[in-house]
Amino acid sequence: MEKRFLGNTGIKVSQIGFGVLPMGASQLDLPVNEGAELIQYALSKGISFFDTAQYYDTYRFMRPAFNSFFNNDLLSKDAPSQAPVISSKCLMSGYDDMREAVAEARRELGLDVIDIFLLHEVMSPDDFHARCGAWDYLKEAKNLGIIRAMGISTHHQDVCSFMADVPECDVVFPLINKNGLGIRNGSGPGTADGMANAINKCHDAGKGVYAMKVFGGGNLTSEYRECLDFVSNIRGVDAMVIGFTSKEEIDRAVEYAEGRLPDDYAPDTSKKKMFISQDDCIGCLACKNRCPNKAIYINKNGLSEIDHDICLTCGYCAPVCPVRALIMIDVCR
């Protein structure tokens, strides 16, 4: 698979990255051996870029996968060039919080150096400034050589645009898909075009950009090729991170990247179910009000949940969610 440089970082990544969130406790909750096997399979197919985060609780899948694949007890900064490139993230705002997050990643993954570390889910320029302590530690960690690049992840096009002008920012990890699902702009909805323009600006400033939610949290999977084509053709997108849940999904993405995917490929979405992330839901009721089959209810925490006995998996709820809390995942791998 083609590898590309992330902006001016000097870090080269596979065109397709593996987002390991779905195998964790918040979605599929795979046994460690199954998750590790899926990561090993991706590595064997040429996918060497992996996105994780402190709160995903997925380091436990990654270390055994890497150790098994390379037959090493410890991967270090001197590992061969085919070694995985890892990006992790932290939601916390303080210097000490970020220091512990980086230390935890190094410890749990058995790595001397984490390639990329991000402020996780920055929601506004003010939010970025409020997390200056964490940002200061990332600058220190980069100077110490224990991370290679620093940046942010965001669902907000205004934040993506803002980061183009932050000199210490090496990489940006924005949400982008052809229908604009989950994109925000300030306190309101954003657009695919707006985020694409922000990505262009980051690229022009030398930032590396890798895209998330190219299928809108799984809601656009039936438009598989169109989704990948849209994001691939945005100037400045260096890589796309996909949340794989099966070997078949990995195979199809590799075929796409290598130009071997049949033109008429249509994924089987019959095994998909809608879920609402309780971490992301804000209880606004937009999805409940939109559901044509009354399959969404409010739980004891005041958040939305789906009654799978009556859900039609139509996906009508997804476009109205302001925070992309609705996801569609394969429940029968």
Foldseek 3Di string as FASTA:
>chain_A
DDWDDQFPLPDIFDQEEAEALQCAPLHQVHDLVVLLVLVLLLLVLPHQEYEEEPVSPNLSNQQVSQCVNVVHNADEPPHDPSHHQYEYEYQDQAQVRLVVRLVVSCVSNRYQAHAEYEHEAQEAVVSVVSSVRNVVNVVVCCVVVRYRFYAYEHLELNVLLVVLPVVRHAAYEYEAEQAQFQRPHRVGGDGNVSNLVSLVSNSVSRHGYEYECLCLQVLNVQVPVRSVVVQVPRPNHRHYYDHDDDSVVSVQVSCVVVVNHDPPDGDDQVQKDKFFRPVFFPLPCQLCVQDPQNQWDQDPVSGIGGNVVGDPSPSRSRRRGNRSRMHIDGNDD
